[in-house]
């Protein structure tokens, strides 16, 4: 039987935090008010001094966890290989940075780290002894635009299988399950200069057979059809290369990876007043996970904030609450 639990990534409330409308404790209290069972945090964003915070900072974190009762599920980690102007970090420097993140997770009582997409596979074997020592799992994010056809992702998966450790796995971002293109993205990009013709074409590439703009452009050599290309403006050409970050995989792509999947980002661009998210079908994905007895957390990750139209209020709190209410209702129906 599945045991799917709810979580909120505080990434979802980044504008509230950045503009001092909410502090860390306020964000966590809000996640609890929304009925979430767990919390996901970006230490770089919300823990002062990370990955080497003061004892005082750690006490604040543990007090917030104790007050809210939220399970500290996972921390999001980035590997900044371009810290210097004249070179990339060496392998040793990369590994040492990630060891620091593992140690910080342990101090925070967090037992899992999400590695951002494209973290290289060669960090895994040197990190494994530290994962075992500190009881911290590391899992790379499989993200739209960098998913199961991306060489770096496939190399990570190959090494994950070779090492075959419970401390190494995957985080799946549901942006790979977009059944249609998010309309808030279109509305925002058109408001700043993109043409309707580009988005008419992008939307036309999505269908019920797993096709999408990413797949089309990959097969077409990253070129639009000539009749579309002739109508594109300069803004279209500037933005088109990042419009492939919304994919349309079937859920069955996860079948062989289920034993390795540690966590889900339930990506959200727009919860609708009717209930579901505009571009993704959470209920059918939850049913798939339930049918496969998956056990873990599904975490609200709101990214519609970056597509807020000029002059319109930020919707972070409302959208987080709407997604949590919808997912919890789905789970009540599916899991009982």
C-alpha atoms as a PDB file:
ATOM      1  CA  UNK A   1       0.000   0.000   0.000  1.00  0.00           C
ATOM      2  CA  UNK A   2       1.264   3.468  -0.864  1.00  0.00           C
ATOM      3  CA  UNK A   3       2.041   6.069   1.777  1.00  0.00           C
ATOM      4  CA  UNK A   4       2.191   9.327  -0.135  1.00  0.00           C
ATOM      5  CA  UNK A   5       2.684  12.378   2.064  1.00  0.00           C
ATOM      6  CA  UNK A   6       2.445  16.108   1.400  1.00  0.00           C
ATOM      7  CA  UNK A   7       5.246  18.638   1.577  1.00  0.00           C
ATOM      8  CA  UNK A   8       5.862  22.295   0.667  1.00  0.00           C
ATOM      9  CA  UNK A   9       9.086  23.526  -0.870  1.00  0.00           C
ATOM     10  CA  UNK A  10       9.812  26.967   0.550  1.00  0.00           C
ATOM     11  CA  UNK A  11      11.057  27.835  -2.928  1.00  0.00           C
ATOM     12  CA  UNK A  12       7.332  28.336  -3.555  1.00  0.00           C
ATOM     13  CA  UNK A  13       7.309  31.319  -1.184  1.00  0.00           C
ATOM     14  CA  UNK A  14      10.521  32.945  -2.353  1.00  0.00           C
ATOM     15  CA  UNK A  15       8.989  36.334  -3.188  1.00  0.00           C
ATOM     16  CA  UNK A  16       7.266  36.484   0.187  1.00  0.00           C
ATOM     17  CA  UNK A  17      10.625  35.749   1.821  1.00  0.00           C
ATOM     18  CA  UNK A  18      12.738  38.020  -0.396  1.00  0.00           C
ATOM     19  CA  UNK A  19      10.497  41.030   0.219  1.00  0.00           C
ATOM     20  CA  UNK A  20      10.291  40.396   3.970  1.00  0.00           C
ATOM     21  CA  UNK A  21       6.574  39.726   4.060  1.00  0.00           C
ATOM     22  CA  UNK A  22       7.386  36.354   5.625  1.00  0.00           C
ATOM     23  CA  UNK A  23      10.436  35.064   7.458  1.00  0.00           C
ATOM     24  CA  UNK A  24      11.525  31.431   7.659  1.00  0.00           C
ATOM     25  CA  UNK A  25       9.268  30.678  10.610  1.00  0.00           C
ATOM     26  CA  UNK A  26       6.381  32.448   8.892  1.00  0.00           C
ATOM     27  CA  UNK A  27       6.857  30.334   5.764  1.00  0.00           C
ATOM     28  CA  UNK A  28       6.900  27.159   7.814  1.00  0.00           C
ATOM     29  CA  UNK A  29       3.846  28.173   9.811  1.00  0.00           C
ATOM     30  CA  UNK A  30       2.015  28.819   6.551  1.00  0.00           C
ATOM     31  CA  UNK A  31       2.966  25.415   5.147  1.00  0.00           C
ATOM     32  CA  UNK A  32       1.579  23.864   8.329  1.00  0.00           C
ATOM     33  CA  UNK A  33      -1.625  25.926   8.079  1.00  0.00           C
ATOM     34  CA  UNK A  34      -2.090  24.544   4.565  1.00  0.00           C
ATOM     35  CA  UNK A  35      -2.021  21.012   5.969  1.00  0.00           C
ATOM     36  CA  UNK A  36       1.409  19.944   4.725  1.00  0.00           C
ATOM     37  CA  UNK A  37       3.177  17.154   6.572  1.00  0.00           C
ATOM     38  CA  UNK A  38       6.720  18.049   5.537  1.00  0.00           C
ATOM     39  CA  UNK A  39       8.920  20.937   4.470  1.00  0.00           C
ATOM     40  CA  UNK A  40      11.603  21.314   1.815  1.00  0.00           C
ATOM     41  CA  UNK A  41      14.171  24.080   2.218  1.00  0.00           C
ATOM     42  CA  UNK A  42      16.897  25.797   0.214  1.00  0.00           C
ATOM     43  CA  UNK A  43      19.616  26.428   2.814  1.00  0.00           C
ATOM     44  CA  UNK A  44      21.446  28.842   0.482  1.00  0.00           C
ATOM     45  CA  UNK A  45      18.303  30.981   0.450  1.00  0.00           C
ATOM     46  CA  UNK A  46      17.003  30.782   4.000  1.00  0.00           C
ATOM     47  CA  UNK A  47      19.776  29.620   6.355  1.00  0.00           C
ATOM     48  CA  UNK A  48      22.219  32.454   6.975  1.00  0.00           C
ATOM     49  CA  UNK A  49      25.825  31.365   6.537  1.00  0.00           C
ATOM     50  CA  UNK A  50      25.013  28.027   4.887  1.00  0.00           C
ATOM     51  CA  UNK A  51      26.696  25.597   4.529  1.00  0.00           C
ATOM     52  CA  UNK A  52      28.457  26.784   7.709  1.00  0.00           C
ATOM     53  CA  UNK A  53      25.720  28.491   9.745  1.00  0.00           C
ATOM     54  CA  UNK A  54      26.218  29.600  13.331  1.00  0.00           C
ATOM     55  CA  UNK A  55      24.870  27.608  16.243  1.00  0.00           C
ATOM     56  CA  UNK A  56      22.351  30.397  16.788  1.00  0.00           C
ATOM     57  CA  UNK A  57      21.066  29.996  13.239  1.00  0.00           C
ATOM     58  CA  UNK A  58      20.729  26.231  13.679  1.00  0.00           C
ATOM     59  CA  UNK A  59      18.821  26.755  16.935  1.00  0.00           C
ATOM     60  CA  UNK A  60      16.326  28.978  15.087  1.00  0.00           C
ATOM     61  CA  UNK A  61      15.824  26.242  12.498  1.00  0.00           C
ATOM     62  CA  UNK A  62      15.269  23.503  15.055  1.00  0.00           C
ATOM     63  CA  UNK A  63      12.892  25.745  17.015  1.00  0.00           C
ATOM     64  CA  UNK A  64      10.843  26.325  13.863  1.00  0.00           C
ATOM     65  CA  UNK A  65      10.711  22.579  13.194  1.00  0.00           C
ATOM     66  CA  UNK A  66       9.668  21.896  16.791  1.00  0.00           C
ATOM     67  CA  UNK A  67       6.960  24.579  16.771  1.00  0.00           C
ATOM     68  CA  UNK A  68       5.386  23.594  13.462  1.00  0.00           C
ATOM     69  CA  UNK A  69       5.816  19.840  13.736  1.00  0.00           C
ATOM     70  CA  UNK A  70       6.760  19.688  10.059  1.00  0.00           C
ATOM     71  CA  UNK A  71       9.029  16.880   8.956  1.00  0.00           C
ATOM     72  CA  UNK A  72      12.281  18.334   7.530  1.00  0.00           C
ATOM     73  CA  UNK A  73      12.208  16.181   4.412  1.00  0.00           C
ATOM     74  CA  UNK A  74      14.835  17.438   1.992  1.00  0.00           C
ATOM     75  CA  UNK A  75      17.234  20.297   1.280  1.00  0.00           C
ATOM     76  CA  UNK A  76      17.880  21.642  -2.209  1.00  0.00           C
ATOM     77  CA  UNK A  77      21.560  21.874  -3.111  1.00  0.00           C
ATOM     78  CA  UNK A  78      23.243  23.602  -6.042  1.00  0.00           C
ATOM     79  CA  UNK A  79      26.784  22.930  -7.241  1.00  0.00           C
ATOM     80  CA  UNK A  80      28.196  26.300  -8.290  1.00  0.00           C
ATOM     81  CA  UNK A  81      31.095  25.195 -10.469  1.00  0.00           C
ATOM     82  CA  UNK A  82      31.677  28.710 -11.844  1.00  0.00           C
ATOM     83  CA  UNK A  83      32.653  30.522  -8.657  1.00  0.00           C
ATOM     84  CA  UNK A  84      35.809  31.855 -10.300  1.00  0.00           C
ATOM     85  CA  UNK A  85      36.095  34.017 -13.411  1.00  0.00           C
ATOM     86  CA  UNK A  86      39.037  32.154 -14.893  1.00  0.00           C
ATOM     87  CA  UNK A  87      38.212  28.463 -14.302  1.00  0.00           C
ATOM     88  CA  UNK A  88      35.667  25.872 -13.262  1.00  0.00           C
ATOM     89  CA  UNK A  89      35.982  24.158  -9.922  1.00  0.00           C
ATOM     90  CA  UNK A  90      38.123  21.043  -9.799  1.00  0.00           C
ATOM     91  CA  UNK A  91      36.559  17.683  -9.038  1.00  0.00           C
ATOM     92  CA  UNK A  92      38.044  17.795  -5.548  1.00  0.00           C
ATOM     93  CA  UNK A  93      36.551  21.236  -4.898  1.00  0.00           C
ATOM     94  CA  UNK A  94      33.133  20.091  -6.122  1.00  0.00           C
ATOM     95  CA  UNK A  95      33.178  17.030  -3.895  1.00  0.00           C
ATOM     96  CA  UNK A  96      34.323  19.028  -0.858  1.00  0.00           C
ATOM     97  CA  UNK A  97      31.462  21.512  -1.331  1.00  0.00           C
ATOM     98  CA  UNK A  98      28.943  18.681  -1.416  1.00  0.00           C
ATOM     99  CA  UNK A  99      30.476  17.034   1.663  1.00  0.00           C
ATOM    100  CA  UNK A 100      29.823  20.312   3.479  1.00  0.00           C
ATOM    101  CA  UNK A 101      26.183  20.139   2.356  1.00  0.00           C
ATOM    102  CA  UNK A 102      25.848  16.576   3.649  1.00  0.00           C
ATOM    103  CA  UNK A 103      27.233  17.618   7.022  1.00  0.00           C
ATOM    104  CA  UNK A 104      24.869  20.586   7.174  1.00  0.00           C
ATOM    105  CA  UNK A 105      21.882  18.365   6.363  1.00  0.00           C
ATOM    106  CA  UNK A 106      22.821  16.130   9.278  1.00  0.00           C
ATOM    107  CA  UNK A 107      23.041  19.119  11.632  1.00  0.00           C
ATOM    108  CA  UNK A 108      19.594  20.243  10.455  1.00  0.00           C
ATOM    109  CA  UNK A 109      18.064  16.795  10.911  1.00  0.00           C
ATOM    110  CA  UNK A 110      17.449  16.476   7.169  1.00  0.00           C
ATOM    111  CA  UNK A 111      18.056  13.034   5.651  1.00  0.00           C
ATOM    112  CA  UNK A 112      17.959  13.861   1.943  1.00  0.00           C
ATOM    113  CA  UNK A 113      19.606  16.307  -0.443  1.00  0.00           C
ATOM    114  CA  UNK A 114      18.243  17.190  -3.855  1.00  0.00           C
ATOM    115  CA  UNK A 115      21.064  17.812  -6.297  1.00  0.00           C
ATOM    116  CA  UNK A 116      20.164  20.243  -9.049  1.00  0.00           C
ATOM    117  CA  UNK A 117      19.958  18.754 -12.545  1.00  0.00           C
ATOM    118  CA  UNK A 118      23.280  18.242 -14.336  1.00  0.00           C
ATOM    119  CA  UNK A 119      25.334  17.567 -11.193  1.00  0.00           C
ATOM    120  CA  UNK A 120      27.993  15.222 -12.625  1.00  0.00           C
ATOM    121  CA  UNK A 121      27.830  11.514 -11.963  1.00  0.00           C
ATOM    122  CA  UNK A 122      31.446  11.340 -10.749  1.00  0.00           C
ATOM    123  CA  UNK A 123      30.580  12.963  -7.406  1.00  0.00           C
ATOM    124  CA  UNK A 124      28.596   9.922  -6.287  1.00  0.00           C
ATOM    125  CA  UNK A 125      31.235   7.342  -5.437  1.00  0.00           C
ATOM    126  CA  UNK A 126      33.429   9.757  -3.405  1.00  0.00           C
ATOM    127  CA  UNK A 127      30.336  11.043  -1.562  1.00  0.00           C
ATOM    128  CA  UNK A 128      28.891   7.639  -0.713  1.00  0.00           C
ATOM    129  CA  UNK A 129      30.998   7.056   2.456  1.00  0.00           C
ATOM    130  CA  UNK A 130      29.797  10.424   3.807  1.00  0.00           C
ATOM    131  CA  UNK A 131      26.188   9.620   2.934  1.00  0.00           C
ATOM    132  CA  UNK A 132      26.525   6.399   4.913  1.00  0.00           C
ATOM    133  CA  UNK A 133      28.320   8.077   7.816  1.00  0.00           C
ATOM    134  CA  UNK A 134      25.754  10.859   8.199  1.00  0.00           C
ATOM    135  CA  UNK A 135      22.697   8.891   7.019  1.00  0.00           C
ATOM    136  CA  UNK A 136      21.920  11.377   4.229  1.00  0.00           C
ATOM    137  CA  UNK A 137      20.583  10.364   0.806  1.00  0.00           C
ATOM    138  CA  UNK A 138      21.540  12.304  -2.319  1.00  0.00           C
ATOM    139  CA  UNK A 139      19.191  12.432  -5.296  1.00  0.00           C
ATOM    140  CA  UNK A 140      19.525  14.284  -8.587  1.00  0.00           C
ATOM    141  CA  UNK A 141      16.527  16.144  -9.983  1.00  0.00           C
ATOM    142  CA  UNK A 142      15.088  14.863 -13.259  1.00  0.00           C
ATOM    143  CA  UNK A 143      13.760  18.128 -14.674  1.00  0.00           C
ATOM    144  CA  UNK A 144      11.971  19.019 -17.888  1.00  0.00           C
ATOM    145  CA  UNK A 145      14.430  19.921 -20.601  1.00  0.00           C
ATOM    146  CA  UNK A 146      17.056  17.823 -18.809  1.00  0.00           C
ATOM    147  CA  UNK A 147      15.199  14.564 -18.343  1.00  0.00           C
ATOM    148  CA  UNK A 148      15.572  11.044 -19.688  1.00  0.00           C
ATOM    149  CA  UNK A 149      17.106  12.068 -23.008  1.00  0.00           C
ATOM    150  CA  UNK A 150      19.807  14.240 -21.430  1.00  0.00           C
ATOM    151  CA  UNK A 151      23.285  12.604 -21.452  1.00  0.00           C
ATOM    152  CA  UNK A 152      24.235  14.052 -18.039  1.00  0.00           C
ATOM    153  CA  UNK A 153      21.046  12.669 -16.481  1.00  0.00           C
ATOM    154  CA  UNK A 154      21.568   9.266 -18.086  1.00  0.00           C
ATOM    155  CA  UNK A 155      25.179   9.167 -16.857  1.00  0.00           C
ATOM    156  CA  UNK A 156      23.988   9.888 -13.316  1.00  0.00           C
ATOM    157  CA  UNK A 157      21.380   7.132 -13.580  1.00  0.00           C
ATOM    158  CA  UNK A 158      23.955   4.654 -14.889  1.00  0.00           C
ATOM    159  CA  UNK A 159      26.288   5.406 -11.978  1.00  0.00           C
ATOM    160  CA  UNK A 160      23.371   5.260  -9.517  1.00  0.00           C
ATOM    161  CA  UNK A 161      22.538   1.765 -10.741  1.00  0.00           C
ATOM    162  CA  UNK A 162      26.179   0.676 -10.647  1.00  0.00           C
ATOM    163  CA  UNK A 163      26.653   1.778  -7.042  1.00  0.00           C
ATOM    164  CA  UNK A 164      23.211   0.398  -6.074  1.00  0.00           C
ATOM    165  CA  UNK A 165      22.983   2.172  -2.714  1.00  0.00           C
ATOM    166  CA  UNK A 166      19.898   3.210  -0.773  1.00  0.00           C
ATOM    167  CA  UNK A 167      21.673   6.545  -0.334  1.00  0.00           C
ATOM    168  CA  UNK A 168      21.544   7.474  -4.031  1.00  0.00           C
ATOM    169  CA  UNK A 169      18.408   8.177  -6.034  1.00  0.00           C
ATOM    170  CA  UNK A 170      16.233  10.525  -8.066  1.00  0.00           C
ATOM    171  CA  UNK A 171      13.886  13.457  -7.502  1.00  0.00           C
ATOM    172  CA  UNK A 172      11.239  13.682 -10.213  1.00  0.00           C
ATOM    173  CA  UNK A 173       9.934  17.094 -11.239  1.00  0.00           C
ATOM    174  CA  UNK A 174       6.419  16.879 -12.656  1.00  0.00           C
ATOM    175  CA  UNK A 175       7.256  19.458 -15.319  1.00  0.00           C
ATOM    176  CA  UNK A 176       8.049  16.349 -17.382  1.00  0.00           C
ATOM    177  CA  UNK A 177       4.319  15.503 -17.288  1.00  0.00           C
ATOM    178  CA  UNK A 178       2.828  18.652 -18.829  1.00  0.00           C
ATOM    179  CA  UNK A 179      -0.187  17.606 -20.865  1.00  0.00           C
ATOM    180  CA  UNK A 180      -0.407  21.088 -22.350  1.00  0.00           C
ATOM    181  CA  UNK A 181       1.778  24.178 -22.347  1.00  0.00           C
ATOM    182  CA  UNK A 182       1.297  26.413 -19.256  1.00  0.00           C
ATOM    183  CA  UNK A 183      -0.835  29.377 -20.267  1.00  0.00           C
ATOM    184  CA  UNK A 184       0.679  31.717 -17.642  1.00  0.00           C
ATOM    185  CA  UNK A 185       4.015  31.336 -19.426  1.00  0.00           C
ATOM    186  CA  UNK A 186       2.424  32.339 -22.721  1.00  0.00           C
ATOM    187  CA  UNK A 187       0.558  35.266 -21.167  1.00  0.00           C
ATOM    188  CA  UNK A 188       3.695  36.631 -19.556  1.00  0.00           C
ATOM    189  CA  UNK A 189       6.002  36.190 -22.534  1.00  0.00           C
ATOM    190  CA  UNK A 190       3.505  37.785 -24.906  1.00  0.00           C
ATOM    191  CA  UNK A 191       3.203  40.727 -22.493  1.00  0.00           C
ATOM    192  CA  UNK A 192       6.936  41.390 -22.828  1.00  0.00           C
ATOM    193  CA  UNK A 193       7.265  40.955 -26.566  1.00  0.00           C
ATOM    194  CA  UNK A 194       6.826  37.394 -27.778  1.00  0.00           C
ATOM    195  CA  UNK A 195       4.463  36.808 -30.679  1.00  0.00           C
ATOM    196  CA  UNK A 196       1.281  34.720 -30.590  1.00  0.00           C
ATOM    197  CA  UNK A 197       2.485  32.777 -33.625  1.00  0.00           C
ATOM    198  CA  UNK A 198       5.343  31.191 -31.670  1.00  0.00           C
ATOM    199  CA  UNK A 199       3.061  30.051 -28.874  1.00  0.00           C
ATOM    200  CA  UNK A 200       0.364  28.854 -31.259  1.00  0.00           C
ATOM    201  CA  UNK A 201       2.980  26.535 -32.709  1.00  0.00           C
ATOM    202  CA  UNK A 202       4.362  25.456 -29.315  1.00  0.00           C
ATOM    203  CA  UNK A 203       0.872  24.577 -28.083  1.00  0.00           C
ATOM    204  CA  UNK A 204       0.160  22.603 -31.259  1.00  0.00           C
ATOM    205  CA  UNK A 205       3.070  20.228 -30.553  1.00  0.00           C
ATOM    206  CA  UNK A 206       1.458  18.824 -27.382  1.00  0.00           C
ATOM    207  CA  UNK A 207      -0.820  15.817 -27.878  1.00  0.00           C
ATOM    208  CA  UNK A 208      -2.063  12.656 -26.179  1.00  0.00           C
ATOM    209  CA  UNK A 209       0.786  10.568 -27.626  1.00  0.00           C
ATOM    210  CA  UNK A 210       3.579  12.092 -25.554  1.00  0.00           C
ATOM    211  CA  UNK A 211       4.627  14.686 -28.100  1.00  0.00           C
ATOM    212  CA  UNK A 212       5.675  18.182 -27.050  1.00  0.00           C
ATOM    213  CA  UNK A 213       7.794  21.151 -28.115  1.00  0.00           C
ATOM    214  CA  UNK A 214      10.984  19.656 -26.664  1.00  0.00           C
ATOM    215  CA  UNK A 215      10.558  16.463 -28.669  1.00  0.00           C
ATOM    216  CA  UNK A 216       9.654  18.350 -31.841  1.00  0.00           C
ATOM    217  CA  UNK A 217      12.661  20.681 -31.669  1.00  0.00           C
ATOM    218  CA  UNK A 218      15.051  17.864 -30.885  1.00  0.00           C
ATOM    219  CA  UNK A 219      13.914  15.900 -33.947  1.00  0.00           C
ATOM    220  CA  UNK A 220      13.900  19.038 -36.125  1.00  0.00           C
ATOM    221  CA  UNK A 221      17.449  20.074 -35.235  1.00  0.00           C
ATOM    222  CA  UNK A 222      16.186  22.892 -32.993  1.00  0.00           C
ATOM    223  CA  UNK A 223      14.574  24.701 -35.928  1.00  0.00           C
ATOM    224  CA  UNK A 224      11.006  25.930 -36.330  1.00  0.00           C
ATOM    225  CA  UNK A 225       9.082  25.072 -39.502  1.00  0.00           C
ATOM    226  CA  UNK A 226       9.984  27.581 -42.204  1.00  0.00           C
ATOM    227  CA  UNK A 227       6.493  29.117 -42.298  1.00  0.00           C
ATOM    228  CA  UNK A 228       6.615  29.719 -38.522  1.00  0.00           C
ATOM    229  CA  UNK A 229      10.240  30.855 -38.469  1.00  0.00           C
ATOM    230  CA  UNK A 230       9.482  33.539 -41.055  1.00  0.00           C
ATOM    231  CA  UNK A 231       7.024  35.172 -38.630  1.00  0.00           C
ATOM    232  CA  UNK A 232       9.137  35.123 -35.461  1.00  0.00           C
ATOM    233  CA  UNK A 233      10.433  38.344 -33.933  1.00  0.00           C
ATOM    234  CA  UNK A 234      13.674  39.015 -32.071  1.00  0.00           C
ATOM    235  CA  UNK A 235      12.102  38.321 -28.677  1.00  0.00           C
ATOM    236  CA  UNK A 236      10.806  34.965 -29.910  1.00  0.00           C
ATOM    237  CA  UNK A 237      14.299  33.978 -31.023  1.00  0.00           C
ATOM    238  CA  UNK A 238      15.757  35.024 -27.688  1.00  0.00           C
ATOM    239  CA  UNK A 239      13.215  33.051 -25.635  1.00  0.00           C
ATOM    240  CA  UNK A 240      12.508  29.997 -27.788  1.00  0.00           C
ATOM    241  CA  UNK A 241      15.455  27.996 -26.469  1.00  0.00           C
ATOM    242  CA  UNK A 242      13.996  27.922 -22.944  1.00  0.00           C
ATOM    243  CA  UNK A 243      10.452  27.131 -24.026  1.00  0.00           C
ATOM    244  CA  UNK A 244      11.356  23.425 -24.274  1.00  0.00           C
ATOM    245  CA  UNK A 245      11.405  23.050 -20.485  1.00  0.00           C
ATOM    246  CA  UNK A 246       7.885  21.596 -20.419  1.00  0.00           C
ATOM    247  CA  UNK A 247       7.695  17.941 -21.432  1.00  0.00           C
ATOM    248  CA  UNK A 248       4.938  15.379 -21.923  1.00  0.00           C
ATOM    249  CA  UNK A 249       6.248  11.975 -20.875  1.00  0.00           C
ATOM    250  CA  UNK A 250       3.855   9.097 -20.090  1.00  0.00           C
ATOM    251  CA  UNK A 251       3.946   8.021 -16.445  1.00  0.00           C
ATOM    252  CA  UNK A 252       5.268   4.636 -17.538  1.00  0.00           C
ATOM    253  CA  UNK A 253       8.671   6.224 -18.108  1.00  0.00           C
ATOM    254  CA  UNK A 254       9.044   5.923 -14.320  1.00  0.00           C
ATOM    255  CA  UNK A 255       8.438   2.154 -14.179  1.00  0.00           C
ATOM    256  CA  UNK A 256      12.095   1.101 -14.149  1.00  0.00           C
ATOM    257  CA  UNK A 257      13.126   3.936 -11.836  1.00  0.00           C
ATOM    258  CA  UNK A 258      10.499   3.580  -9.089  1.00  0.00           C
ATOM    259  CA  UNK A 259      12.887   1.782  -6.691  1.00  0.00           C
ATOM    260  CA  UNK A 260      15.247   4.765  -6.973  1.00  0.00           C
ATOM    261  CA  UNK A 261      12.723   7.615  -6.771  1.00  0.00           C
ATOM    262  CA  UNK A 262      13.068   9.284  -3.392  1.00  0.00           C
ATOM    263  CA  UNK A 263      10.941  12.407  -3.772  1.00  0.00           C
ATOM    264  CA  UNK A 264       8.681  14.362  -6.143  1.00  0.00           C
ATOM    265  CA  UNK A 265       8.504  18.032  -6.957  1.00  0.00           C
ATOM    266  CA  UNK A 266       4.868  18.671  -7.813  1.00  0.00           C
ATOM    267  CA  UNK A 267       5.688  21.570 -10.095  1.00  0.00           C
ATOM    268  CA  UNK A 268       2.950  24.147 -10.323  1.00  0.00           C
ATOM    269  CA  UNK A 269       2.458  27.037 -12.719  1.00  0.00           C
ATOM    270  CA  UNK A 270      -1.236  27.716 -12.206  1.00  0.00           C
ATOM    271  CA  UNK A 271      -3.825  26.120  -9.984  1.00  0.00           C
ATOM    272  CA  UNK A 272      -7.233  26.829 -11.499  1.00  0.00           C
ATOM    273  CA  UNK A 273     -10.395  27.881  -9.706  1.00  0.00           C
ATOM    274  CA  UNK A 274     -11.953  24.630 -10.992  1.00  0.00           C
ATOM    275  CA  UNK A 275      -9.437  22.642  -8.935  1.00  0.00           C
ATOM    276  CA  UNK A 276      -6.685  21.026 -11.033  1.00  0.00           C
ATOM    277  CA  UNK A 277      -3.431  22.568 -12.200  1.00  0.00           C
ATOM    278  CA  UNK A 278      -3.820  23.936 -15.735  1.00  0.00           C
ATOM    279  CA  UNK A 279      -1.092  21.915 -17.457  1.00  0.00           C
ATOM    280  CA  UNK A 280      -0.609  18.813 -15.264  1.00  0.00           C
ATOM    281  CA  UNK A 281      -2.898  16.052 -14.012  1.00  0.00           C
ATOM    282  CA  UNK A 282      -1.805  15.441 -10.421  1.00  0.00           C
ATOM    283  CA  UNK A 283      -4.647  13.054  -9.669  1.00  0.00           C
ATOM    284  CA  UNK A 284      -3.711  10.537 -12.347  1.00  0.00           C
ATOM    285  CA  UNK A 285      -0.044  10.686 -11.299  1.00  0.00           C
ATOM    286  CA  UNK A 286      -0.988  10.096  -7.666  1.00  0.00           C
ATOM    287  CA  UNK A 287      -3.126   7.150  -8.773  1.00  0.00           C
ATOM    288  CA  UNK A 288      -0.144   5.757 -10.709  1.00  0.00           C
ATOM    289  CA  UNK A 289       2.097   6.081  -7.631  1.00  0.00           C
ATOM    290  CA  UNK A 290      -0.548   4.523  -5.406  1.00  0.00           C
ATOM    291  CA  UNK A 291      -0.987   1.600  -7.795  1.00  0.00           C
ATOM    292  CA  UNK A 292       2.787   1.038  -7.612  1.00  0.00           C
ATOM    293  CA  UNK A 293       2.906   1.239  -3.777  1.00  0.00           C
ATOM    294  CA  UNK A 294       5.222   4.254  -3.779  1.00  0.00           C
ATOM    295  CA  UNK A 295       6.126   5.684  -0.373  1.00  0.00           C
ATOM    296  CA  UNK A 296       7.422   9.235  -0.039  1.00  0.00           C
ATOM    297  CA  UNK A 297       6.673  12.946  -0.136  1.00  0.00           C
ATOM    298  CA  UNK A 298       5.238  15.017  -2.979  1.00  0.00           C
ATOM    299  CA  UNK A 299       6.332  18.603  -2.583  1.00  0.00           C
ATOM    300  CA  UNK A 300       4.546  21.749  -3.751  1.00  0.00           C
ATOM    301  CA  UNK A 301       6.924  23.726  -5.971  1.00  0.00           C
ATOM    302  CA  UNK A 302       5.343  26.904  -7.337  1.00  0.00           C
ATOM    303  CA  UNK A 303       7.036  28.528 -10.315  1.00  0.00           C
ATOM    304  CA  UNK A 304       4.164  30.626 -11.603  1.00  0.00           C
ATOM    305  CA  UNK A 305       5.523  33.488  -9.509  1.00  0.00           C
ATOM    306  CA  UNK A 306       8.109  34.286 -12.181  1.00  0.00           C
ATOM    307  CA  UNK A 307       5.304  34.749 -14.709  1.00  0.00           C
ATOM    308  CA  UNK A 308       3.310  37.308 -12.722  1.00  0.00           C
ATOM    309  CA  UNK A 309       2.071  40.019 -15.060  1.00  0.00           C
ATOM    310  CA  UNK A 310       3.253  43.575 -14.479  1.00  0.00           C
ATOM    311  CA  UNK A 311       1.018  45.330 -11.971  1.00  0.00           C
ATOM    312  CA  UNK A 312      -0.639  42.133 -10.759  1.00  0.00           C
ATOM    313  CA  UNK A 313      -0.286  40.880  -7.173  1.00  0.00           C
ATOM    314  CA  UNK A 314       1.941  37.945  -6.354  1.00  0.00           C
ATOM    315  CA  UNK A 315      -0.101  34.740  -5.884  1.00  0.00           C
ATOM    316  CA  UNK A 316       2.373  32.548  -3.993  1.00  0.00           C
ATOM    317  CA  UNK A 317       0.384  31.994  -0.804  1.00  0.00           C
ATOM    318  CA  UNK A 318      -2.906  31.473  -2.620  1.00  0.00           C
ATOM    319  CA  UNK A 319      -1.420  29.062  -5.134  1.00  0.00           C
ATOM    320  CA  UNK A 320       0.379  27.013  -2.458  1.00  0.00           C
ATOM    321  CA  UNK A 321      -2.841  26.721  -0.455  1.00  0.00           C
ATOM    322  CA  UNK A 322      -4.837  25.720  -3.547  1.00  0.00           C
ATOM    323  CA  UNK A 323      -2.394  23.013  -4.562  1.00  0.00           C
ATOM    324  CA  UNK A 324      -2.143  21.587  -1.060  1.00  0.00           C
ATOM    325  CA  UNK A 325      -5.946  21.465  -0.765  1.00  0.00           C
ATOM    326  CA  UNK A 326      -6.272  19.746  -4.149  1.00  0.00           C
ATOM    327  CA  UNK A 327      -3.498  17.196  -3.599  1.00  0.00           C
ATOM    328  CA  UNK A 328      -4.739  16.364  -0.097  1.00  0.00           C
ATOM    329  CA  UNK A 329      -8.262  15.813  -1.437  1.00  0.00           C
ATOM    330  CA  UNK A 330      -6.882  13.537  -4.161  1.00  0.00           C
ATOM    331  CA  UNK A 331      -4.887  11.538  -1.649  1.00  0.00           C
ATOM    332  CA  UNK A 332      -7.882  11.174   0.646  1.00  0.00           C
ATOM    333  CA  UNK A 333      -9.875   9.746  -2.247  1.00  0.00           C
ATOM    334  CA  UNK A 334      -7.051   7.504  -3.532  1.00  0.00           C
ATOM    335  CA  UNK A 335      -5.461   6.326  -0.266  1.00  0.00           C
ATOM    336  CA  UNK A 336      -8.509   6.544   1.959  1.00  0.00           C
END
